[in-house]
Every structure is written in C-alpha cells, then in structure tokens.
Amino acid sequence: MPCGKNNRWQVRKGDIERGLEEADLVLQETYTSQMTEHVSIEPHVAIAMIDPQGMLLIYSALQGPFGRATDIAYILNRPLSKVRIIVPAVGGGFGGKNDTTIEPHVALLALKTGRPVKWRWTRQEEFLCSSVRHPFIMRHEIGLKKDGMITAKRVSAIADIGAYCISSPLVIDKHVALSTGTVPRPSRLGGRLFGLHQ
C-alpha cells in the first residue's frame, strides 16, 4: 500500500445512521495519542557480507525480514534471489524495527568493498533516525441501547506519518480493520494518513 494522494481506508457494515437513530444513547469522544519512540533494549544493528556464491547475506535484528529483503533488492537493483536476511534473536522491537533503516547501507558497503560491514546505532542515532509510533487523532461514536446493546459504531482516525511512509499504510490499515472490535452491528470506520511535517 503506497503512500500517495489517496491514503484513505474504509470499512463499512450495515446502515450506520439507522443504527445511531435506534440508539437510546449516543456517545462521542475524541482521543489522541502522542508520537512514541519504541526504545527497545537492543538498538538497530546489521552485518552484511557476500558469500562465495555471490549471495548478499544480511544479519539484522529487525522485524519483517521478507519485506526488507524486497526493499533491499529494489534499492540495490539486485535480484531478490540474491538477497538473504537472517534474523537472530531480536532484543525487542515493538513495531520499531519494521522499517528498512541501516540494512541498505551495510549491504551497499559490503558489495562495494567485498568485506563484511557492521553498523550498530547508538541510542542517539535511534532517537534521530528510527521510525516512531504514529500519533493519532481518533473520533469514536457509539450507539447504545439501555440494556448495553451496541446498535452502531463509527470511528474515524487521522495518523500523522511524519516525513516517512514505510510501514504507515500497514499501521492505518490495521487500525481501521481492528477498530470495530467484536461489534456485530452496523459500523463504519475510516482512516486517513497525513504527512504532517513538523
């Protein structure tokens, strides 16, 4: 899901307006969350080398190695069959190691020098360069009967993706998909990504 002009995801189920009209009580609230650095114990670290068969091997403590291998193959204009990412035990990620960060750099240096290359971010580099958890503005509207039965739920969300759009579409997609919870009633949910560069 690329970021572009139409970064809008919607899930619709049933007649939301009718569900709200049938409710005895309609609650509306807006919630916000702030940008958060994941601060896993282990910082980003990667080692790249070329094996005797010409395979680019990257050892990296990251999440989502298959997506990152695709990114690296594209960045380096190299066949995906010639890129292998090996993930050892990860010292925490919490979603903060889903993006391609230092891997292309060590890969390029290994290809250019023919030698193994290692890069480990300092804590300061983590704060300056890594992706963060998106700040959200979420508006919830829920229709309820006196007995507690939910008649309808409407959620809209805006995520501030900042200057980067690597895993942001997946984050908003998951947010939209999971916001209904277990509500079997009419619901309409929507999410939109905005790059609010500060």
C-alpha atoms as a PDB file:
ATOM      1  CA  MET A   1       0.000   0.000   0.000  1.00  0.00           C
ATOM      2  CA  PRO A   2       1.955   3.030  -1.141  1.00  0.00           C
ATOM      3  CA  CYS A   3       1.512   6.468   0.344  1.00  0.00           C
ATOM      4  CA  GLY A   4       0.157   8.955  -2.125  1.00  0.00           C
ATOM      5  CA  LYS A   5      -2.787  11.195  -2.834  1.00  0.00           C
ATOM      6  CA  ASN A   6      -5.497   8.723  -1.822  1.00  0.00           C
ATOM      7  CA  ASN A   7      -4.468   7.362   1.545  1.00  0.00           C
ATOM      8  CA  ARG A   8      -7.914   6.538   2.794  1.00  0.00           C
ATOM      9  CA  TRP A   9      -9.127   3.218   4.144  1.00  0.00           C
ATOM     10  CA  GLN A  10     -12.733   2.496   4.963  1.00  0.00           C
ATOM     11  CA  VAL A  11     -14.685  -0.423   6.336  1.00  0.00           C
ATOM     12  CA  ARG A  12     -18.463  -0.272   6.132  1.00  0.00           C
ATOM     13  CA  LYS A  13     -21.016  -2.675   7.502  1.00  0.00           C
ATOM     14  CA  GLY A  14     -24.747  -2.002   7.608  1.00  0.00           C
ATOM     15  CA  ASP A  15     -26.632   1.294   7.965  1.00  0.00           C
ATOM     16  CA  ILE A  16     -24.704   3.396  10.482  1.00  0.00           C
ATOM     17  CA  GLU A  17     -27.201   6.283  10.525  1.00  0.00           C
ATOM     18  CA  ARG A  18     -30.125   3.971  11.243  1.00  0.00           C
ATOM     19  CA  GLY A  19     -28.134   2.245  13.981  1.00  0.00           C
ATOM     20  CA  LEU A  20     -27.425   5.588  15.644  1.00  0.00           C
ATOM     21  CA  GLU A  21     -31.082   6.663  15.315  1.00  0.00           C
ATOM     22  CA  GLU A  22     -32.225   3.434  17.034  1.00  0.00           C
ATOM     23  CA  ALA A  23     -29.865   4.021  19.958  1.00  0.00           C
ATOM     24  CA  ASP A  24     -31.113   5.254  23.330  1.00  0.00           C
ATOM     25  CA  LEU A  25     -27.753   6.897  23.920  1.00  0.00           C
ATOM     26  CA  VAL A  26     -25.035   8.044  21.527  1.00  0.00           C
ATOM     27  CA  LEU A  27     -21.591   8.645  22.995  1.00  0.00           C
ATOM     28  CA  GLN A  28     -18.987  10.648  21.105  1.00  0.00           C
ATOM     29  CA  GLU A  29     -15.403  11.157  22.156  1.00  0.00           C
ATOM     30  CA  THR A  30     -12.135  12.180  20.548  1.00  0.00           C
ATOM     31  CA  TYR A  31      -8.918  10.555  21.700  1.00  0.00           C
ATOM     32  CA  THR A  32      -5.348  11.440  20.876  1.00  0.00           C
ATOM     33  CA  SER A  33      -2.066   9.625  21.242  1.00  0.00           C
ATOM     34  CA  GLN A  34       1.373  11.135  21.016  1.00  0.00           C
ATOM     35  CA  MET A  35       4.371  10.151  18.940  1.00  0.00           C
ATOM     36  CA  THR A  36       6.356   7.495  20.784  1.00  0.00           C
ATOM     37  CA  GLU A  37       9.886   6.198  20.301  1.00  0.00           C
ATOM     38  CA  HIS A  38       9.897   2.418  20.803  1.00  0.00           C
ATOM     39  CA  VAL A  39      13.205   2.358  22.747  1.00  0.00           C
ATOM     40  CA  SER A  40      13.838  -1.364  22.567  1.00  0.00           C
ATOM     41  CA  ILE A  41      16.779  -2.539  24.665  1.00  0.00           C
ATOM     42  CA  GLU A  42      18.754  -3.573  21.589  1.00  0.00           C
ATOM     43  CA  PRO A  43      19.330  -0.775  19.049  1.00  0.00           C
ATOM     44  CA  HIS A  44      19.248  -1.284  15.295  1.00  0.00           C
ATOM     45  CA  VAL A  45      22.243  -3.354  14.239  1.00  0.00           C
ATOM     46  CA  ALA A  46      23.122  -5.100  10.978  1.00  0.00           C
ATOM     47  CA  ILE A  47      26.010  -7.016   9.412  1.00  0.00           C
ATOM     48  CA  ALA A  48      26.253  -7.556   5.659  1.00  0.00           C
ATOM     49  CA  MET A  49      28.601  -9.786   3.669  1.00  0.00           C
ATOM     50  CA  ILE A  50      28.834 -11.547   0.330  1.00  0.00           C
ATOM     51  CA  ASP A  51      29.101 -15.338   0.447  1.00  0.00           C
ATOM     52  CA  PRO A  52      31.234 -17.345  -2.044  1.00  0.00           C
ATOM     53  CA  GLN A  53      28.207 -17.872  -4.343  1.00  0.00           C
ATOM     54  CA  GLY A  54      27.564 -14.110  -4.568  1.00  0.00           C
ATOM     55  CA  MET A  55      24.597 -14.124  -2.183  1.00  0.00           C
ATOM     56  CA  LEU A  56      24.193 -10.900  -0.207  1.00  0.00           C
ATOM     57  CA  LEU A  57      23.741 -12.001   3.406  1.00  0.00           C
ATOM     58  CA  ILE A  58      22.418  -9.524   5.938  1.00  0.00           C
ATOM     59  CA  TYR A  59      22.191 -10.369   9.617  1.00  0.00           C
ATOM     60  CA  SER A  60      19.877  -7.850  11.227  1.00  0.00           C
ATOM     61  CA  ALA A  61      17.778  -7.594  14.374  1.00  0.00           C
ATOM     62  CA  LEU A  62      14.638  -6.481  12.578  1.00  0.00           C
ATOM     63  CA  GLN A  63      11.013  -7.391  12.139  1.00  0.00           C
ATOM     64  CA  GLY A  64       9.578  -8.380   8.769  1.00  0.00           C
ATOM     65  CA  PRO A  65      12.684  -9.725   7.014  1.00  0.00           C
ATOM     66  CA  PHE A  66      10.866 -10.670   3.794  1.00  0.00           C
ATOM     67  CA  GLY A  67       9.614  -7.139   3.209  1.00  0.00           C
ATOM     68  CA  ARG A  68      13.039  -5.727   3.996  1.00  0.00           C
ATOM     69  CA  ALA A  69      14.706  -8.141   1.552  1.00  0.00           C
ATOM     70  CA  THR A  70      12.354  -6.896  -1.164  1.00  0.00           C
ATOM     71  CA  ASP A  71      13.235  -3.288  -0.277  1.00  0.00           C
ATOM     72  CA  ILE A  72      16.974  -4.001  -0.414  1.00  0.00           C
ATOM     73  CA  ALA A  73      16.734  -5.887  -3.704  1.00  0.00           C
ATOM     74  CA  TYR A  74      14.871  -2.917  -5.183  1.00  0.00           C
ATOM     75  CA  ILE A  75      17.241  -0.287  -3.734  1.00  0.00           C
ATOM     76  CA  LEU A  76      20.344  -2.125  -4.945  1.00  0.00           C
ATOM     77  CA  ASN A  77      18.793  -3.259  -8.247  1.00  0.00           C
ATOM     78  CA  ARG A  78      19.672  -6.830  -7.324  1.00  0.00           C
ATOM     79  CA  PRO A  79      17.575  -9.981  -7.869  1.00  0.00           C
ATOM     80  CA  LEU A  80      15.605 -10.893  -4.771  1.00  0.00           C
ATOM     81  CA  SER A  81      17.024 -14.407  -5.127  1.00  0.00           C
ATOM     82  CA  LYS A  82      20.460 -12.902  -4.365  1.00  0.00           C
ATOM     83  CA  VAL A  83      19.408 -11.221  -1.088  1.00  0.00           C
ATOM     84  CA  ARG A  84      19.019 -13.175   2.142  1.00  0.00           C
ATOM     85  CA  ILE A  85      18.203 -11.659   5.521  1.00  0.00           C
ATOM     86  CA  ILE A  86      18.893 -13.690   8.620  1.00  0.00           C
ATOM     87  CA  VAL A  87      17.263 -12.538  11.845  1.00  0.00           C
ATOM     88  CA  PRO A  88      18.918 -13.693  15.059  1.00  0.00           C
ATOM     89  CA  ALA A  89      17.119 -13.298  18.370  1.00  0.00           C
ATOM     90  CA  VAL A  90      15.744  -9.765  18.495  1.00  0.00           C
ATOM     91  CA  GLY A  91      16.248  -7.759  21.675  1.00  0.00           C
ATOM     92  CA  GLY A  92      12.847  -6.087  21.402  1.00  0.00           C
ATOM     93  CA  GLY A  93      11.137  -4.359  18.536  1.00  0.00           C
ATOM     94  CA  PHE A  94       7.573  -3.355  19.454  1.00  0.00           C
ATOM     95  CA  GLY A  95       6.981  -2.302  15.843  1.00  0.00           C
ATOM     96  CA  GLY A  96      10.062  -0.076  15.809  1.00  0.00           C
ATOM     97  CA  LYS A  97      12.102  -2.461  13.663  1.00  0.00           C
ATOM     98  CA  ASN A  98       9.579  -2.879  10.857  1.00  0.00           C
ATOM     99  CA  ASP A  99      11.192  -0.315   8.594  1.00  0.00           C
ATOM    100  CA  THR A 100      14.231  -0.594   6.362  1.00  0.00           C
ATOM    101  CA  THR A 101      16.911   1.508   8.053  1.00  0.00           C
ATOM    102  CA  ILE A 102      20.609   0.587   8.124  1.00  0.00           C
ATOM    103  CA  GLU A 103      20.392  -2.592   6.056  1.00  0.00           C
ATOM    104  CA  PRO A 104      20.768  -0.954   2.603  1.00  0.00           C
ATOM    105  CA  HIS A 105      23.807   0.975   3.836  1.00  0.00           C
ATOM    106  CA  VAL A 106      25.700  -2.045   5.137  1.00  0.00           C
ATOM    107  CA  ALA A 107      24.641  -4.040   2.062  1.00  0.00           C
ATOM    108  CA  LEU A 108      25.973  -1.404  -0.339  1.00  0.00           C
ATOM    109  CA  LEU A 109      29.243  -1.073   1.577  1.00  0.00           C
ATOM    110  CA  ALA A 110      29.714  -4.857   1.616  1.00  0.00           C
ATOM    111  CA  LEU A 111      29.066  -5.027  -2.134  1.00  0.00           C
ATOM    112  CA  LYS A 112      31.492  -2.183  -2.843  1.00  0.00           C
ATOM    113  CA  THR A 113      34.301  -3.374  -0.537  1.00  0.00           C
ATOM    114  CA  GLY A 114      33.853  -7.151  -0.765  1.00  0.00           C
ATOM    115  CA  ARG A 115      34.259  -7.244   3.025  1.00  0.00           C
ATOM    116  CA  PRO A 116      31.826  -7.738   5.920  1.00  0.00           C
ATOM    117  CA  VAL A 117      30.338  -4.489   7.216  1.00  0.00           C
ATOM    118  CA  LYS A 118      28.681  -3.913  10.598  1.00  0.00           C
ATOM    119  CA  TRP A 119      26.712  -0.899  11.797  1.00  0.00           C
ATOM    120  CA  ARG A 120      25.128  -0.535  15.208  1.00  0.00           C
ATOM    121  CA  TRP A 121      23.145   2.582  16.000  1.00  0.00           C
ATOM    122  CA  THR A 122      23.863   4.448  19.198  1.00  0.00           C
ATOM    123  CA  ARG A 123      20.910   5.410  21.354  1.00  0.00           C
ATOM    124  CA  GLN A 124      21.180   8.948  19.980  1.00  0.00           C
ATOM    125  CA  GLU A 125      21.001   7.617  16.405  1.00  0.00           C
ATOM    126  CA  GLU A 126      17.938   5.589  17.394  1.00  0.00           C
ATOM    127  CA  PHE A 127      16.159   8.755  18.504  1.00  0.00           C
ATOM    128  CA  LEU A 128      17.277  10.740  15.464  1.00  0.00           C
ATOM    129  CA  CYS A 129      16.802   8.185  12.690  1.00  0.00           C
ATOM    130  CA  SER A 130      14.388   5.399  13.582  1.00  0.00           C
ATOM    131  CA  SER A 131      10.676   5.305  12.903  1.00  0.00           C
ATOM    132  CA  VAL A 132       8.295   6.142  15.712  1.00  0.00           C
ATOM    133  CA  ARG A 133       4.814   5.114  16.693  1.00  0.00           C
ATOM    134  CA  HIS A 134       2.333   7.344  14.875  1.00  0.00           C
ATOM    135  CA  PRO A 135       0.407   9.974  16.786  1.00  0.00           C
ATOM    136  CA  PHE A 136      -3.320   9.501  16.154  1.00  0.00           C
ATOM    137  CA  ILE A 137      -6.470  11.564  16.444  1.00  0.00           C
ATOM    138  CA  MET A 138      -9.376   9.141  16.799  1.00  0.00           C
ATOM    139  CA  ARG A 139     -13.048  10.068  16.939  1.00  0.00           C
ATOM    140  CA  HIS A 140     -15.384   7.380  18.260  1.00  0.00           C
ATOM    141  CA  GLU A 141     -19.162   7.489  18.084  1.00  0.00           C
ATOM    142  CA  ILE A 142     -21.122   4.605  19.532  1.00  0.00           C
ATOM    143  CA  GLY A 143     -24.865   3.982  19.752  1.00  0.00           C
ATOM    144  CA  LEU A 144     -26.175   2.055  22.758  1.00  0.00           C
ATOM    145  CA  LYS A 145     -29.499   0.658  23.937  1.00  0.00           C
ATOM    146  CA  LYS A 146     -30.456   0.956  27.625  1.00  0.00           C
ATOM    147  CA  ASP A 147     -29.541  -2.702  28.122  1.00  0.00           C
ATOM    148  CA  GLY A 148     -25.996  -2.048  26.849  1.00  0.00           C
ATOM    149  CA  MET A 149     -26.539  -3.471  23.347  1.00  0.00           C
ATOM    150  CA  ILE A 150     -24.402  -1.667  20.765  1.00  0.00           C
ATOM    151  CA  THR A 151     -26.504  -0.510  17.814  1.00  0.00           C
ATOM    152  CA  ALA A 152     -23.776   1.184  15.799  1.00  0.00           C
ATOM    153  CA  LYS A 153     -20.185   2.317  15.935  1.00  0.00           C
ATOM    154  CA  ARG A 154     -18.405   4.903  13.832  1.00  0.00           C
ATOM    155  CA  VAL A 155     -14.674   5.521  14.103  1.00  0.00           C
ATOM    156  CA  SER A 156     -12.543   7.939  12.152  1.00  0.00           C
ATOM    157  CA  ALA A 157      -8.832   8.329  12.611  1.00  0.00           C
ATOM    158  CA  ILE A 158      -6.037  10.528  11.371  1.00  0.00           C
ATOM    159  CA  ALA A 159      -2.460   9.296  11.710  1.00  0.00           C
ATOM    160  CA  ASP A 160       0.468  11.678  11.481  1.00  0.00           C
ATOM    161  CA  ILE A 161       3.043   9.724   9.490  1.00  0.00           C
ATOM    162  CA  GLY A 162       5.629  12.469   9.529  1.00  0.00           C
ATOM    163  CA  ALA A 163       8.145  12.588   6.723  1.00  0.00           C
ATOM    164  CA  TYR A 164       8.323   8.826   6.205  1.00  0.00           C
ATOM    165  CA  CYS A 165       5.877   6.348   4.755  1.00  0.00           C
ATOM    166  CA  ILE A 166       7.374   2.910   5.037  1.00  0.00           C
ATOM    167  CA  SER A 167       5.044   0.850   7.209  1.00  0.00           C
ATOM    168  CA  SER A 168       2.472   3.622   7.772  1.00  0.00           C
ATOM    169  CA  PRO A 169      -0.107   2.145   5.361  1.00  0.00           C
ATOM    170  CA  LEU A 170       0.013  -1.138   7.298  1.00  0.00           C
ATOM    171  CA  VAL A 171      -0.435   0.701  10.600  1.00  0.00           C
ATOM    172  CA  ILE A 172      -3.533   2.604   9.467  1.00  0.00           C
ATOM    173  CA  ASP A 173      -4.915  -0.486   7.699  1.00  0.00           C
ATOM    174  CA  LYS A 174      -4.669  -2.488  10.911  1.00  0.00           C
ATOM    175  CA  HIS A 175      -6.150   0.355  12.945  1.00  0.00           C
ATOM    176  CA  VAL A 176      -9.162   0.593  10.639  1.00  0.00           C
ATOM    177  CA  ALA A 177      -9.628  -3.175  10.453  1.00  0.00           C
ATOM    178  CA  LEU A 178      -9.474  -3.711  14.226  1.00  0.00           C
ATOM    179  CA  SER A 179     -11.455  -0.657  15.363  1.00  0.00           C
ATOM    180  CA  THR A 180     -14.796  -2.432  15.040  1.00  0.00           C
ATOM    181  CA  GLY A 181     -13.801  -4.869  17.748  1.00  0.00           C
ATOM    182  CA  THR A 182     -16.467  -7.529  18.035  1.00  0.00           C
ATOM    183  CA  VAL A 183     -19.356  -5.226  17.164  1.00  0.00           C
ATOM    184  CA  PRO A 184     -21.823  -7.317  15.093  1.00  0.00           C
ATOM    185  CA  ARG A 185     -23.962  -4.237  14.445  1.00  0.00           C
ATOM    186  CA  PRO A 186     -23.784  -1.652  11.673  1.00  0.00           C
ATOM    187  CA  SER A 187     -20.446   0.064  11.698  1.00  0.00           C
ATOM    188  CA  ARG A 188     -18.476   2.435   9.565  1.00  0.00           C
ATOM    189  CA  LEU A 189     -14.820   3.030  10.100  1.00  0.00           C
ATOM    190  CA  GLY A 190     -12.358   5.137   8.262  1.00  0.00           C
ATOM    191  CA  GLY A 191      -8.746   6.080   8.456  1.00  0.00           C
ATOM    192  CA  ARG A 192      -6.599   8.577   6.685  1.00  0.00           C
ATOM    193  CA  LEU A 193      -2.856   9.149   6.595  1.00  0.00           C
ATOM    194  CA  PHE A 194      -1.442  12.619   6.608  1.00  0.00           C
ATOM    195  CA  GLY A 195       2.207  13.591   6.447  1.00  0.00           C
ATOM    196  CA  LEU A 196       2.274  16.454   8.918  1.00  0.00           C
ATOM    197  CA  HIS A 197       5.877  17.550   8.630  1.00  0.00           C
ATOM    198  CA  GLN A 198       6.929  19.458  11.730  1.00  0.00           C
END
